[in-house]
Every structure is written in C-alpha cells, then in structure tokens.
C-alpha cells in the first residue's frame, strides 16, 4: 500500500526531526550544566531534563530506524541466501517487529489504564485508590512535572513501530542487496 508507506515515511521524518531537536537540547543542556557548575551555581534540574530528552530522542530514533531498516543487524544469514529468501526473511523481521509493537501497545494500555482513569471520572485520586496505579501522580525528582509526560514516549514508540512494521509488511517490492564493506 503506497499510502501506508508514505504515512510511515512522513512519520519517520517527523520522528527524526524531533530526535535531532532533542539531541541539540541534550547538548545545550549539558553545556549549560558545565557552565553553571563551573560558576558554582549548579542547576540540578538540568541533569534530569537532559536525561529525559535523551530518552525521548532514543525512542523516537529507534522507531524511525524501523522505517528506514537502519537498525544494527547481523546479516550473515540474509547475505548468504538468494534474493527471494532474503525478501521473506525481511518479512519475518517485520512480523516480529509488529508482534513486539503490539505487545508494547498492550503493555502501555495496561500501564496507563485509560479505561480505568475514565471509569474514575478522570479523577486521579479515585483512580489511584481503585487501581493502586500512581502513574498519573508521580512527580519527577527535580523538575516537578508528572512522570506520565515523560513516559508518553512509550506510546509514541509503540504506535510508530506498529506503523513502520505494517508499512514494511505491506511493501511487497524486493529490496536491492546492499553489500557491506
């Protein structure tokens, strides 16, 4: 499906653009940290923000790598088999990625429990009392924001991985053999 491949490509470009911005943010935050610490006025929240920016950058980049098929791989088997077998090996990888992404979505659904939150009338205290799930109330150590905002990257990764795997499964064009050097 050509449309699905285009959507996947657009989403991958967005993921990479955001990951690049986050990489820049990490660099600037670390530089700010160095400057403030050497001036004797350390900003402790900078460390935590840099870590969260790096986590988001990593998950977004990993999802985009699934679209571009740029993930680290051992290619001994695909390099040794004929093109037709290599094609079906790639489809097998897409199936495994799709299964993994669907499990990630299921785990996110269970962890974030949006249905339980809705049943509690979007009252976080009632939700916590009924489920003992504190995902919506736990604050970060120094930033003071709710960690749920940081953990939302899990949804972004799982949805992106599903989209890229589905696009890979729908693409029935054989890929040219890439010879490694």
Protein backbone atom coordinates (compact mmCIF):
# COMPACT_ATOMS: atom_id res chain seq x y z
CA UNK A 1 0.00 0.00 0.00
CA UNK A 2 1.63 3.13 -1.25
CA UNK A 3 -0.33 5.42 1.10
CA UNK A 4 0.77 3.46 4.17
CA UNK A 5 4.42 3.68 3.09
CA UNK A 6 4.05 7.44 2.61
CA UNK A 7 2.49 7.88 6.04
CA UNK A 8 5.25 5.77 7.57
CA UNK A 9 7.90 7.84 5.76
CA UNK A 10 6.32 11.10 6.91
CA UNK A 11 6.09 9.85 10.49
CA UNK A 12 9.72 8.70 10.37
CA UNK A 13 10.81 12.15 9.13
CA UNK A 14 8.88 13.77 11.99
CA UNK A 15 10.46 11.34 14.48
CA UNK A 16 13.95 12.10 13.15
CA UNK A 17 13.35 15.86 13.20
CA UNK A 18 12.17 15.68 16.81
CA UNK A 19 15.08 13.40 17.72
CA UNK A 20 17.51 15.89 16.15
CA UNK A 21 15.97 18.76 18.13
CA UNK A 22 16.21 16.67 21.28
CA UNK A 23 19.86 15.87 20.52
CA UNK A 24 20.50 19.60 20.24
CA UNK A 25 18.63 20.15 23.50
CA UNK A 26 20.73 17.50 25.25
CA UNK A 27 23.91 19.15 24.00
CA UNK A 28 22.79 22.60 25.11
CA UNK A 29 21.58 21.32 28.49
CA UNK A 30 24.91 19.61 29.17
CA UNK A 31 26.75 22.76 28.13
CA UNK A 32 24.52 24.80 30.46
CA UNK A 33 25.26 22.29 33.20
CA UNK A 34 29.01 22.64 32.69
CA UNK A 35 28.82 26.44 32.74
CA UNK A 36 26.60 26.67 35.83
CA UNK A 37 28.60 24.09 37.77
CA UNK A 38 31.90 25.79 36.98
CA UNK A 39 30.35 29.10 38.08
CA UNK A 40 29.36 27.46 41.39
CA UNK A 41 25.62 27.81 40.72
CA UNK A 42 24.58 24.36 39.54
CA UNK A 43 21.06 23.88 38.23
CA UNK A 44 20.18 20.35 39.31
CA UNK A 45 17.07 20.09 37.18
CA UNK A 46 19.23 20.36 34.06
CA UNK A 47 20.62 16.83 34.56
CA UNK A 48 17.16 15.33 34.81
CA UNK A 49 15.85 17.25 31.81
CA UNK A 50 18.87 16.17 29.72
CA UNK A 51 18.23 12.53 30.66
CA UNK A 52 14.56 12.73 29.71
CA UNK A 53 15.40 14.49 26.43
CA UNK A 54 17.89 11.71 25.66
CA UNK A 55 15.30 9.03 26.45
CA UNK A 56 12.78 10.64 24.10
CA UNK A 57 15.47 11.08 21.44
CA UNK A 58 16.41 7.40 21.70
CA UNK A 59 12.87 6.05 21.41
CA UNK A 60 11.97 8.35 18.52
CA UNK A 61 15.20 7.48 16.71
CA UNK A 62 14.64 3.76 17.29
CA UNK A 63 11.16 3.96 15.81
CA UNK A 64 12.45 5.85 12.76
CA UNK A 65 15.21 3.25 12.34
CA UNK A 66 12.49 0.63 11.95
CA UNK A 67 11.11 2.54 8.97
CA UNK A 68 14.50 3.00 7.34
CA UNK A 69 15.65 -0.50 8.30
CA UNK A 70 18.80 1.07 9.70
CA UNK A 71 18.92 -0.84 12.95
CA UNK A 72 22.02 -2.75 13.88
CA UNK A 73 21.73 -6.26 12.45
CA UNK A 74 23.70 -9.42 11.96
CA UNK A 75 23.47 -10.11 8.24
CA UNK A 76 25.28 -13.42 7.91
CA UNK A 77 22.12 -15.32 7.02
CA UNK A 78 20.49 -12.71 4.72
CA UNK A 79 23.77 -12.21 2.88
CA UNK A 80 24.12 -15.96 2.28
CA UNK A 81 20.68 -16.69 0.84
CA UNK A 82 19.11 -15.91 -2.54
CA UNK A 83 17.12 -12.72 -3.02
CA UNK A 84 13.74 -14.43 -2.66
CA UNK A 85 14.70 -15.98 0.69
CA UNK A 86 16.15 -12.66 1.85
CA UNK A 87 12.83 -11.00 0.99
CA UNK A 88 10.93 -13.49 3.15
CA UNK A 89 13.46 -13.12 5.98
CA UNK A 90 12.79 -9.36 5.91
CA UNK A 91 9.05 -10.06 6.06
CA UNK A 92 9.68 -12.33 9.06
CA UNK A 93 11.53 -9.49 10.78
CA UNK A 94 8.56 -7.21 10.05
CA UNK A 95 6.24 -9.76 11.65
CA UNK A 96 8.44 -9.97 14.76
CA UNK A 97 8.58 -6.16 14.98
CA UNK A 98 4.80 -5.97 14.59
CA UNK A 99 4.25 -8.54 17.34
CA UNK A 100 6.67 -6.65 19.61
CA UNK A 101 4.96 -3.32 18.85
CA UNK A 102 1.50 -4.78 19.52
CA UNK A 103 2.72 -6.14 22.84
CA UNK A 104 4.15 -2.68 23.62
CA UNK A 105 0.74 -1.14 22.88
CA UNK A 106 -0.93 -3.71 25.10
CA UNK A 107 1.53 -3.05 27.93
CA UNK A 108 1.03 0.72 27.55
CA UNK A 109 -2.74 0.21 27.67
CA UNK A 110 -2.41 -1.82 30.85
CA UNK A 111 0.12 0.54 32.43
CA UNK A 112 -1.61 3.84 31.60
CA UNK A 113 -5.06 2.24 32.04
CA UNK A 114 -7.03 4.96 30.25
CA UNK A 115 -10.26 2.98 30.64
CA UNK A 116 -9.75 2.84 34.42
CA UNK A 117 -8.99 6.55 34.51
CA UNK A 118 -12.19 7.23 32.54
CA UNK A 119 -14.17 4.97 34.92
CA UNK A 120 -12.83 7.08 37.79
CA UNK A 121 -14.20 10.18 36.06
CA UNK A 122 -10.63 11.31 35.25
CA UNK A 123 -10.15 11.85 38.99
CA UNK A 124 -6.53 10.83 39.56
CA UNK A 125 -7.00 10.29 43.31
CA UNK A 126 -10.01 8.00 42.77
CA UNK A 127 -8.09 6.17 40.01
CA UNK A 128 -5.12 5.60 42.34
CA UNK A 129 -7.37 4.37 45.14
CA UNK A 130 -9.15 1.90 42.88
CA UNK A 131 -6.12 0.59 40.97
CA UNK A 132 -3.04 1.34 43.11
CA UNK A 133 -1.59 2.76 39.88
CA UNK A 134 0.25 6.01 40.58
CA UNK A 135 1.35 6.71 37.00
CA UNK A 136 -0.56 9.99 36.78
CA UNK A 137 0.62 11.41 40.11
CA UNK A 138 4.30 10.50 40.47
CA UNK A 139 6.45 13.63 40.06
CA UNK A 140 9.93 13.81 38.62
CA UNK A 141 12.74 14.30 41.12
CA UNK A 142 13.82 17.86 40.33
CA UNK A 143 11.60 19.16 37.53
CA UNK A 144 8.39 18.68 39.48
CA UNK A 145 6.35 17.60 36.45
CA UNK A 146 4.36 14.38 36.36
CA UNK A 147 6.40 11.46 35.07
CA UNK A 148 3.49 10.43 32.87
CA UNK A 149 4.60 13.17 30.44
CA UNK A 150 7.99 11.50 30.16
CA UNK A 151 6.52 8.02 29.84
CA UNK A 152 4.25 9.05 26.96
CA UNK A 153 7.21 8.33 24.70
CA UNK A 154 6.34 4.65 25.15
CA UNK A 155 3.05 5.25 23.35
CA UNK A 156 4.81 7.23 20.60
CA UNK A 157 7.36 4.44 20.14
CA UNK A 158 4.78 1.64 20.13
CA UNK A 159 2.49 3.41 17.68
CA UNK A 160 5.39 4.37 15.42
CA UNK A 161 6.78 0.83 15.50
CA UNK A 162 3.34 -0.56 14.59
CA UNK A 163 3.03 1.89 11.70
CA UNK A 164 6.52 1.16 10.36
CA UNK A 165 6.10 -2.62 10.71
CA UNK A 166 2.73 -2.50 8.98
CA UNK A 167 4.22 -0.43 6.17
CA UNK A 168 7.08 -2.92 5.89
CA UNK A 169 4.65 -5.83 5.74
CA UNK A 170 2.58 -4.12 3.06
CA UNK A 171 5.64 -3.36 0.91
CA UNK A 172 5.99 -6.30 -1.45
CA UNK A 173 8.82 -4.78 -3.51
CA UNK A 174 12.07 -6.71 -3.20
CA UNK A 175 14.83 -4.60 -1.69
CA UNK A 176 18.16 -4.40 -3.52
CA UNK A 177 21.03 -6.29 -1.98
CA UNK A 178 23.30 -3.98 -0.01
CA UNK A 179 26.85 -5.21 0.05
CA UNK A 180 28.69 -4.34 3.22
CA UNK A 181 32.31 -3.25 3.04
